[in-house]
Amino acid sequence: MTSASQGSTGLAERYATALYDLAEQDKALDAVATELQTIQDLISATPDMQRLIRSPVISGKNSVAPWTRSWQSCRQAR
């Protein structure tokens, strides 16, 4: 594993731990798990979202609008 991927894995672990701790504190583990599954389903079903996540060229600022549109569409469909 490269140091770059280790750094990114460490960051992901910190975010995951923080998310879990907050969800547990708010007694919302099931709700958060459902939302995470929805995000995973959205990414799996949408090639554009997969490209958006993987592209080093698209900045976080430029990825917000596509994510927001996709998330709203997905939530309305459920």
C-alpha atoms as a PDB file:
ATOM      1  CA  MET A   1       0.000   0.000   0.000  1.00  0.00           C
ATOM      2  CA  THR A   2       1.377   3.420  -0.894  1.00  0.00           C
ATOM      3  CA  SER A   3       1.669   6.183   1.647  1.00  0.00           C
ATOM      4  CA  ALA A   4      -0.932   8.190  -0.305  1.00  0.00           C
ATOM      5  CA  SER A   5      -3.487   5.404  -0.031  1.00  0.00           C
ATOM      6  CA  GLN A   6      -2.627   4.871   3.625  1.00  0.00           C
ATOM      7  CA  GLY A   7      -3.236   8.565   4.301  1.00  0.00           C
ATOM      8  CA  SER A   8      -6.554   8.461   2.525  1.00  0.00           C
ATOM      9  CA  THR A   9      -7.506   5.265   4.366  1.00  0.00           C
ATOM     10  CA  GLY A  10      -6.629   6.900   7.672  1.00  0.00           C
ATOM     11  CA  LEU A  11      -8.787   9.884   6.822  1.00  0.00           C
ATOM     12  CA  ALA A  12     -11.682   7.609   5.819  1.00  0.00           C
ATOM     13  CA  GLU A  13     -11.343   5.722   9.097  1.00  0.00           C
ATOM     14  CA  ARG A  14     -11.465   8.952  11.103  1.00  0.00           C
ATOM     15  CA  TYR A  15     -14.572  10.128   9.243  1.00  0.00           C
ATOM     16  CA  ALA A  16     -16.235   6.715   9.637  1.00  0.00           C
ATOM     17  CA  THR A  17     -15.494   6.662  13.350  1.00  0.00           C
ATOM     18  CA  ALA A  18     -16.829  10.189  13.815  1.00  0.00           C
ATOM     19  CA  LEU A  19     -19.976   9.375  11.839  1.00  0.00           C
ATOM     20  CA  TYR A  20     -20.553   6.218  13.865  1.00  0.00           C
ATOM     21  CA  ASP A  21     -19.992   8.029  17.174  1.00  0.00           C
ATOM     22  CA  LEU A  22     -22.449  10.793  16.258  1.00  0.00           C
ATOM     23  CA  ALA A  23     -25.060   8.340  14.974  1.00  0.00           C
ATOM     24  CA  GLU A  24     -24.742   6.254  18.127  1.00  0.00           C
ATOM     25  CA  GLN A  25     -24.978   9.334  20.344  1.00  0.00           C
ATOM     26  CA  ASP A  26     -28.159  10.437  18.533  1.00  0.00           C
ATOM     27  CA  LYS A  27     -29.529   6.866  18.522  1.00  0.00           C
ATOM     28  CA  ALA A  28     -29.657   7.053  14.731  1.00  0.00           C
ATOM     29  CA  LEU A  29     -27.484   4.107  13.693  1.00  0.00           C
ATOM     30  CA  ASP A  30     -30.230   2.512  11.581  1.00  0.00           C
ATOM     31  CA  ALA A  31     -31.117   5.794   9.871  1.00  0.00           C
ATOM     32  CA  VAL A  32     -27.475   6.532   9.071  1.00  0.00           C
ATOM     33  CA  ALA A  33     -26.949   2.983   7.795  1.00  0.00           C
ATOM     34  CA  THR A  34     -29.962   3.409   5.501  1.00  0.00           C
ATOM     35  CA  GLU A  35     -28.627   6.719   4.185  1.00  0.00           C
ATOM     36  CA  LEU A  36     -25.189   5.197   3.559  1.00  0.00           C
ATOM     37  CA  GLN A  37     -26.786   2.296   1.690  1.00  0.00           C
ATOM     38  CA  THR A  38     -28.710   4.818  -0.424  1.00  0.00           C
ATOM     39  CA  ILE A  39     -25.463   6.602  -1.265  1.00  0.00           C
ATOM     40  CA  GLN A  40     -23.805   3.306  -2.172  1.00  0.00           C
ATOM     41  CA  ASP A  41     -26.769   2.367  -4.388  1.00  0.00           C
ATOM     42  CA  LEU A  42     -26.659   5.776  -6.073  1.00  0.00           C
ATOM     43  CA  ILE A  43     -22.960   5.443  -6.826  1.00  0.00           C
ATOM     44  CA  SER A  44     -23.314   1.854  -8.045  1.00  0.00           C
ATOM     45  CA  ALA A  45     -26.219   2.690 -10.349  1.00  0.00           C
ATOM     46  CA  THR A  46     -24.846   5.905 -11.806  1.00  0.00           C
ATOM     47  CA  PRO A  47     -21.706   5.850 -13.973  1.00  0.00           C
ATOM     48  CA  ASP A  48     -21.539   9.661 -13.815  1.00  0.00           C
ATOM     49  CA  MET A  49     -21.345   9.521 -10.011  1.00  0.00           C
ATOM     50  CA  GLN A  50     -18.581   6.912 -10.227  1.00  0.00           C
ATOM     51  CA  ARG A  51     -16.590   9.198 -12.523  1.00  0.00           C
ATOM     52  CA  LEU A  52     -17.269  12.177 -10.266  1.00  0.00           C
ATOM     53  CA  ILE A  53     -15.848  10.346  -7.255  1.00  0.00           C
ATOM     54  CA  ARG A  54     -12.787   9.038  -9.066  1.00  0.00           C
ATOM     55  CA  SER A  55     -11.852  12.174 -10.995  1.00  0.00           C
ATOM     56  CA  PRO A  56      -8.914  14.076  -9.532  1.00  0.00           C
ATOM     57  CA  VAL A  57      -9.759  16.936 -11.893  1.00  0.00           C
ATOM     58  CA  ILE A  58     -13.168  17.777 -10.432  1.00  0.00           C
ATOM     59  CA  SER A  59     -12.798  19.844  -7.291  1.00  0.00           C
ATOM     60  CA  GLY A  60     -15.014  19.341  -4.267  1.00  0.00           C
ATOM     61  CA  LYS A  61     -16.659  22.685  -4.980  1.00  0.00           C
ATOM     62  CA  ASN A  62     -17.619  21.586  -8.502  1.00  0.00           C
ATOM     63  CA  SER A  63     -18.941  18.217  -7.361  1.00  0.00           C
ATOM     64  CA  VAL A  64     -21.543  19.579  -4.954  1.00  0.00           C
ATOM     65  CA  ALA A  65     -24.242  20.413  -7.522  1.00  0.00           C
ATOM     66  CA  PRO A  66     -24.250  16.992  -9.247  1.00  0.00           C
ATOM     67  CA  TRP A  67     -24.301  15.238  -5.878  1.00  0.00           C
ATOM     68  CA  THR A  68     -27.150  17.405  -4.647  1.00  0.00           C
ATOM     69  CA  ARG A  69     -29.249  16.766  -7.767  1.00  0.00           C
ATOM     70  CA  SER A  70     -28.615  13.025  -7.664  1.00  0.00           C
ATOM     71  CA  TRP A  71     -29.281  12.780  -3.932  1.00  0.00           C
ATOM     72  CA  GLN A  72     -32.560  14.690  -4.206  1.00  0.00           C
ATOM     73  CA  SER A  73     -33.709  12.528  -7.117  1.00  0.00           C
ATOM     74  CA  CYS A  74     -32.816   9.363  -5.247  1.00  0.00           C
ATOM     75  CA  ARG A  75     -34.592  10.434  -2.044  1.00  0.00           C
ATOM     76  CA  GLN A  76     -37.730  11.443  -3.936  1.00  0.00           C
ATOM     77  CA  ALA A  77     -37.821   8.043  -5.645  1.00  0.00           C
ATOM     78  CA  ARG A  78     -37.806   6.179  -2.303  1.00  0.00           C
END
